Amino acid sequence: MFVAYAIGLVLLVYCALDVMSTPAASVRSLPKAVWVVVLVLLPVLGPLAWLFAGRPRRGATRGAAAPERGAPDDDEDFLRELRRRADEHRRRARDPRDDGKP
């Protein structure tokens, strides 16, 4: 009997932390605040409902979607800055007295 209570408590704590850390835009079925109330009022069914009906689906992004970026060598701004820094490094290597200050 104690094991069943312990498993229920662990599941409740896990789901409560999961609800709190999930961005509101990613929560399914009910608003995030309602899920917290469901977890508190239904300590056994609430966590199970969260896992099956409220939690974001696997593979769904959490939070705002990251901007689509390719590899760094496909980014023209990155390459331009890299070339500028390499040229500056070469120039300083040729003339060590030039510290880059006007």
N, C-alpha and C. Protein backbone atom coordinates (compact mmCIF):
# COMPACT_ATOMS: atom_id res chain seq x y z
N MET A 1 0.82 -1.19 0.00
CA MET A 1 0.00 0.00 0.00
C MET A 1 0.86 1.26 0.00
N PHE A 2 1.93 1.23 0.78
CA PHE A 2 2.83 2.38 0.82
C PHE A 2 3.45 2.64 -0.54
N VAL A 3 3.78 1.59 -1.27
CA VAL A 3 4.39 1.73 -2.59
C VAL A 3 3.44 2.43 -3.54
N ALA A 4 2.16 2.11 -3.47
CA ALA A 4 1.16 2.75 -4.34
C ALA A 4 1.08 4.25 -4.03
N TYR A 5 1.10 4.62 -2.77
CA TYR A 5 1.09 6.04 -2.40
C TYR A 5 2.36 6.74 -2.87
N ALA A 6 3.49 6.08 -2.72
CA ALA A 6 4.76 6.67 -3.14
C ALA A 6 4.78 6.88 -4.65
N ILE A 7 4.30 5.90 -5.40
CA ILE A 7 4.25 6.04 -6.87
C ILE A 7 3.31 7.17 -7.26
N GLY A 8 2.17 7.25 -6.59
CA GLY A 8 1.21 8.33 -6.86
C GLY A 8 1.79 9.69 -6.55
N LEU A 9 2.52 9.80 -5.45
CA LEU A 9 3.13 11.07 -5.07
C LEU A 9 4.22 11.48 -6.06
N VAL A 10 5.05 10.52 -6.44
CA VAL A 10 6.11 10.81 -7.42
C VAL A 10 5.50 11.25 -8.74
N LEU A 11 4.45 10.57 -9.18
CA LEU A 11 3.78 10.92 -10.42
C LEU A 11 3.16 12.31 -10.33
N LEU A 12 2.55 12.62 -9.20
CA LEU A 12 1.95 13.93 -9.00
C LEU A 12 3.01 15.03 -9.04
N VAL A 13 4.11 14.84 -8.35
CA VAL A 13 5.18 15.84 -8.33
C VAL A 13 5.78 16.01 -9.73
N TYR A 14 6.03 14.89 -10.40
CA TYR A 14 6.58 14.96 -11.76
C TYR A 14 5.66 15.75 -12.68
N CYS A 15 4.37 15.42 -12.65
CA CYS A 15 3.43 16.10 -13.54
C CYS A 15 3.26 17.57 -13.16
N ALA A 16 3.27 17.87 -11.87
CA ALA A 16 3.16 19.27 -11.45
C ALA A 16 4.35 20.08 -11.96
N LEU A 17 5.54 19.53 -11.83
CA LEU A 17 6.73 20.22 -12.35
C LEU A 17 6.68 20.33 -13.87
N ASP A 18 6.19 19.30 -14.52
CA ASP A 18 6.08 19.32 -15.97
C ASP A 18 5.08 20.37 -16.43
N VAL A 19 3.95 20.48 -15.75
CA VAL A 19 2.96 21.51 -16.09
C VAL A 19 3.57 22.90 -15.92
N MET A 20 4.26 23.10 -14.81
CA MET A 20 4.84 24.41 -14.53
C MET A 20 5.93 24.79 -15.53
N SER A 21 6.68 23.82 -16.01
CA SER A 21 7.79 24.14 -16.91
C SER A 21 7.39 24.15 -18.39
N THR A 22 6.18 23.71 -18.70
CA THR A 22 5.71 23.71 -20.08
C THR A 22 5.15 25.08 -20.42
N PRO A 23 5.59 25.68 -21.53
CA PRO A 23 5.04 26.98 -21.93
C PRO A 23 3.52 26.87 -22.18
N ALA A 24 2.80 27.90 -21.82
CA ALA A 24 1.34 27.89 -21.93
C ALA A 24 0.88 27.63 -23.37
N ALA A 25 1.63 28.10 -24.34
CA ALA A 25 1.24 27.91 -25.74
C ALA A 25 1.34 26.46 -26.18
N SER A 26 2.12 25.64 -25.47
CA SER A 26 2.31 24.25 -25.85
C SER A 26 1.33 23.29 -25.18
N VAL A 27 0.62 23.74 -24.17
CA VAL A 27 -0.29 22.88 -23.42
C VAL A 27 -1.51 22.55 -24.28
N ARG A 28 -1.90 21.27 -24.25
CA ARG A 28 -3.07 20.84 -25.03
C ARG A 28 -4.32 20.75 -24.16
N SER A 29 -5.46 20.77 -24.77
CA SER A 29 -6.78 20.49 -24.20
C SER A 29 -7.32 21.57 -23.26
N LEU A 30 -6.61 21.93 -22.23
CA LEU A 30 -7.08 22.91 -21.25
C LEU A 30 -6.01 23.97 -21.02
N PRO A 31 -6.41 25.14 -20.51
CA PRO A 31 -5.39 26.14 -20.15
C PRO A 31 -4.48 25.61 -19.04
N LYS A 32 -3.30 26.14 -18.98
CA LYS A 32 -2.29 25.68 -18.02
C LYS A 32 -2.79 25.79 -16.58
N ALA A 33 -3.46 26.89 -16.23
CA ALA A 33 -3.96 27.07 -14.87
C ALA A 33 -4.98 26.00 -14.51
N VAL A 34 -5.79 25.60 -15.46
CA VAL A 34 -6.79 24.55 -15.19
C VAL A 34 -6.10 23.22 -14.95
N TRP A 35 -5.01 22.96 -15.67
CA TRP A 35 -4.27 21.71 -15.43
C TRP A 35 -3.71 21.66 -14.01
N VAL A 36 -3.26 22.79 -13.51
CA VAL A 36 -2.76 22.82 -12.12
C VAL A 36 -3.89 22.48 -11.16
N VAL A 37 -5.07 23.04 -11.38
CA VAL A 37 -6.22 22.75 -10.52
C VAL A 37 -6.60 21.27 -10.62
N VAL A 38 -6.59 20.73 -11.83
CA VAL A 38 -6.92 19.31 -12.02
C VAL A 38 -5.93 18.43 -11.26
N LEU A 39 -4.65 18.77 -11.32
CA LEU A 39 -3.64 17.99 -10.60
C LEU A 39 -3.88 18.02 -9.09
N VAL A 40 -4.25 19.18 -8.59
CA VAL A 40 -4.45 19.32 -7.15
C VAL A 40 -5.73 18.61 -6.69
N LEU A 41 -6.81 18.76 -7.45
CA LEU A 41 -8.10 18.19 -7.04
C LEU A 41 -8.22 16.69 -7.31
N LEU A 42 -7.52 16.21 -8.33
CA LEU A 42 -7.58 14.79 -8.68
C LEU A 42 -6.17 14.21 -8.67
N PRO A 43 -5.64 13.91 -7.48
CA PRO A 43 -4.23 13.53 -7.37
C PRO A 43 -3.85 12.23 -8.09
N VAL A 44 -4.78 11.38 -8.43
CA VAL A 44 -4.44 10.15 -9.17
C VAL A 44 -4.80 10.30 -10.64
N LEU A 45 -6.04 10.73 -10.90
CA LEU A 45 -6.48 10.87 -12.29
C LEU A 45 -5.88 12.10 -12.97
N GLY A 46 -5.62 13.16 -12.20
CA GLY A 46 -5.07 14.38 -12.77
C GLY A 46 -3.74 14.16 -13.48
N PRO A 47 -2.75 13.54 -12.83
CA PRO A 47 -1.48 13.29 -13.51
C PRO A 47 -1.62 12.41 -14.75
N LEU A 48 -2.48 11.40 -14.67
CA LEU A 48 -2.69 10.54 -15.84
C LEU A 48 -3.34 11.33 -16.98
N ALA A 49 -4.31 12.18 -16.64
CA ALA A 49 -4.95 13.01 -17.66
C ALA A 49 -3.93 13.96 -18.29
N TRP A 50 -3.05 14.54 -17.46
CA TRP A 50 -2.03 15.43 -17.99
C TRP A 50 -1.11 14.69 -18.98
N LEU A 51 -0.67 13.51 -18.59
CA LEU A 51 0.25 12.76 -19.45
C LEU A 51 -0.38 12.39 -20.79
N PHE A 52 -1.67 12.08 -20.78
CA PHE A 52 -2.31 11.62 -22.01
C PHE A 52 -3.04 12.71 -22.79
N ALA A 53 -3.49 13.77 -22.12
CA ALA A 53 -4.31 14.75 -22.82
C ALA A 53 -3.76 16.18 -22.80
N GLY A 54 -2.89 16.50 -21.85
CA GLY A 54 -2.46 17.88 -21.73
C GLY A 54 -1.03 18.15 -22.14
N ARG A 55 -0.21 17.17 -21.94
CA ARG A 55 1.22 17.33 -22.22
C ARG A 55 1.46 17.49 -23.72
N PRO A 56 2.41 18.34 -24.11
CA PRO A 56 2.72 18.46 -25.54
C PRO A 56 3.16 17.11 -26.11
N ARG A 57 2.80 16.87 -27.33
CA ARG A 57 3.17 15.60 -27.97
C ARG A 57 4.67 15.51 -28.12
N ARG A 58 5.18 14.27 -28.16
CA ARG A 58 6.61 14.06 -28.37
C ARG A 58 7.02 14.67 -29.70
N GLY A 59 8.16 15.31 -29.72
CA GLY A 59 8.65 15.92 -30.94
C GLY A 59 8.15 17.35 -31.11
N ALA A 60 7.15 17.76 -30.34
CA ALA A 60 6.68 19.14 -30.42
C ALA A 60 7.70 20.03 -29.74
N THR A 61 7.92 21.19 -30.29
CA THR A 61 8.90 22.09 -29.70
C THR A 61 8.31 22.75 -28.47
N ARG A 62 9.13 22.95 -27.48
CA ARG A 62 8.71 23.65 -26.28
C ARG A 62 9.05 25.12 -26.45
N GLY A 63 8.13 25.97 -26.15
CA GLY A 63 8.37 27.40 -26.25
C GLY A 63 8.31 27.87 -27.68
N ALA A 64 8.86 29.04 -27.92
CA ALA A 64 8.86 29.61 -29.27
C ALA A 64 9.76 28.78 -30.18
N ALA A 65 9.32 28.65 -31.39
CA ALA A 65 10.10 27.90 -32.36
C ALA A 65 11.38 28.67 -32.69
N ALA A 66 12.46 27.96 -32.74
CA ALA A 66 13.73 28.59 -33.07
C ALA A 66 13.74 28.97 -34.54
N PRO A 67 14.38 30.06 -34.88
CA PRO A 67 14.43 30.44 -36.29
C PRO A 67 15.19 29.37 -37.08
N GLU A 68 14.74 29.16 -38.27
CA GLU A 68 15.36 28.16 -39.12
C GLU A 68 16.72 28.68 -39.58
N ARG A 69 17.77 27.98 -39.20
CA ARG A 69 19.13 28.40 -39.57
C ARG A 69 19.84 27.20 -40.15
N GLY A 70 20.63 27.49 -41.15
CA GLY A 70 21.43 26.43 -41.73
C GLY A 70 22.75 26.33 -41.01
N ALA A 71 23.68 25.68 -41.64
CA ALA A 71 25.02 25.57 -41.08
C ALA A 71 25.68 26.94 -41.11
N PRO A 72 26.64 27.19 -40.21
CA PRO A 72 27.30 28.50 -40.18
C PRO A 72 27.94 28.88 -41.51
N ASP A 73 28.42 27.89 -42.25
CA ASP A 73 29.08 28.24 -43.51
C ASP A 73 28.08 28.60 -44.60
N ASP A 74 26.77 28.53 -44.32
CA ASP A 74 25.75 28.98 -45.26
C ASP A 74 25.27 30.40 -44.95
N ASP A 75 25.70 30.94 -43.82
CA ASP A 75 25.27 32.25 -43.38
C ASP A 75 26.24 33.30 -43.89
N GLU A 76 25.77 34.15 -44.82
CA GLU A 76 26.64 35.15 -45.44
C GLU A 76 27.17 36.16 -44.42
N ASP A 77 26.33 36.58 -43.46
CA ASP A 77 26.79 37.54 -42.45
C ASP A 77 27.90 36.94 -41.60
N PHE A 78 27.74 35.68 -41.23
CA PHE A 78 28.77 35.00 -40.45
C PHE A 78 30.08 34.92 -41.24
N LEU A 79 29.99 34.54 -42.50
CA LEU A 79 31.20 34.42 -43.33
C LEU A 79 31.87 35.78 -43.54
N ARG A 80 31.07 36.82 -43.74
CA ARG A 80 31.62 38.17 -43.92
C ARG A 80 32.38 38.60 -42.67
N GLU A 81 31.78 38.37 -41.49
CA GLU A 81 32.45 38.73 -40.23
C GLU A 81 33.69 37.89 -40.02
N LEU A 82 33.65 36.64 -40.39
CA LEU A 82 34.81 35.76 -40.26
C LEU A 82 35.96 36.24 -41.14
N ARG A 83 35.64 36.61 -42.38
CA ARG A 83 36.69 37.14 -43.29
C ARG A 83 37.28 38.43 -42.74
N ARG A 84 36.41 39.32 -42.24
CA ARG A 84 36.89 40.60 -41.71
C ARG A 84 37.85 40.37 -40.54
N ARG A 85 37.49 39.46 -39.65
CA ARG A 85 38.34 39.18 -38.50
C ARG A 85 39.65 38.52 -38.92
N ALA A 86 39.58 37.64 -39.91
CA ALA A 86 40.80 36.98 -40.40
C ALA A 86 41.72 38.00 -41.05
N ASP A 87 41.16 38.92 -41.84
CA ASP A 87 41.97 39.96 -42.47
C ASP A 87 42.62 40.85 -41.41
N GLU A 88 41.85 41.20 -40.39
CA GLU A 88 42.40 42.03 -39.32
C GLU A 88 43.51 41.28 -38.58
N HIS A 89 43.33 40.02 -38.35
CA HIS A 89 44.34 39.21 -37.68
C HIS A 89 45.62 39.14 -38.53
N ARG A 90 45.47 38.93 -39.83
CA ARG A 90 46.64 38.89 -40.73
C ARG A 90 47.36 40.23 -40.75
N ARG A 91 46.57 41.33 -40.79
CA ARG A 91 47.17 42.67 -40.83
C ARG A 91 47.97 42.92 -39.56
N ARG A 92 47.43 42.54 -38.42
CA ARG A 92 48.14 42.74 -37.15
C ARG A 92 49.38 41.85 -37.07
N ALA A 93 49.32 40.67 -37.67
CA ALA A 93 50.48 39.78 -37.65
C ALA A 93 51.61 40.35 -38.50
N ARG A 94 51.28 41.03 -39.59
CA ARG A 94 52.31 41.64 -40.45
C ARG A 94 52.93 42.85 -39.79
N ASP A 95 52.15 43.65 -39.10
CA ASP A 95 52.64 44.87 -38.48
C ASP A 95 52.27 44.86 -37.00
N PRO A 96 53.10 44.26 -36.15
CA PRO A 96 52.77 44.13 -34.72
C PRO A 96 52.67 45.48 -33.98
N ARG A 97 53.24 46.55 -34.55
CA ARG A 97 53.16 47.86 -33.90
C ARG A 97 51.78 48.47 -34.03
N ASP A 98 51.03 48.03 -35.04
CA ASP A 98 49.68 48.56 -35.25
C ASP A 98 48.72 47.83 -34.33
N ASP A 99 48.22 48.54 -33.31
CA ASP A 99 47.32 47.89 -32.36
C ASP A 99 45.84 48.10 -32.72
N GLY A 100 45.58 48.66 -33.88
CA GLY A 100 44.20 48.83 -34.36
C GLY A 100 43.55 50.10 -33.89
N LYS A 101 44.22 50.92 -33.09
CA LYS A 101 43.65 52.18 -32.61
C LYS A 101 44.01 53.28 -33.60
N PRO A 102 43.08 54.22 -33.81
CA PRO A 102 43.35 55.31 -34.75
C PRO A 102 44.38 56.29 -34.23
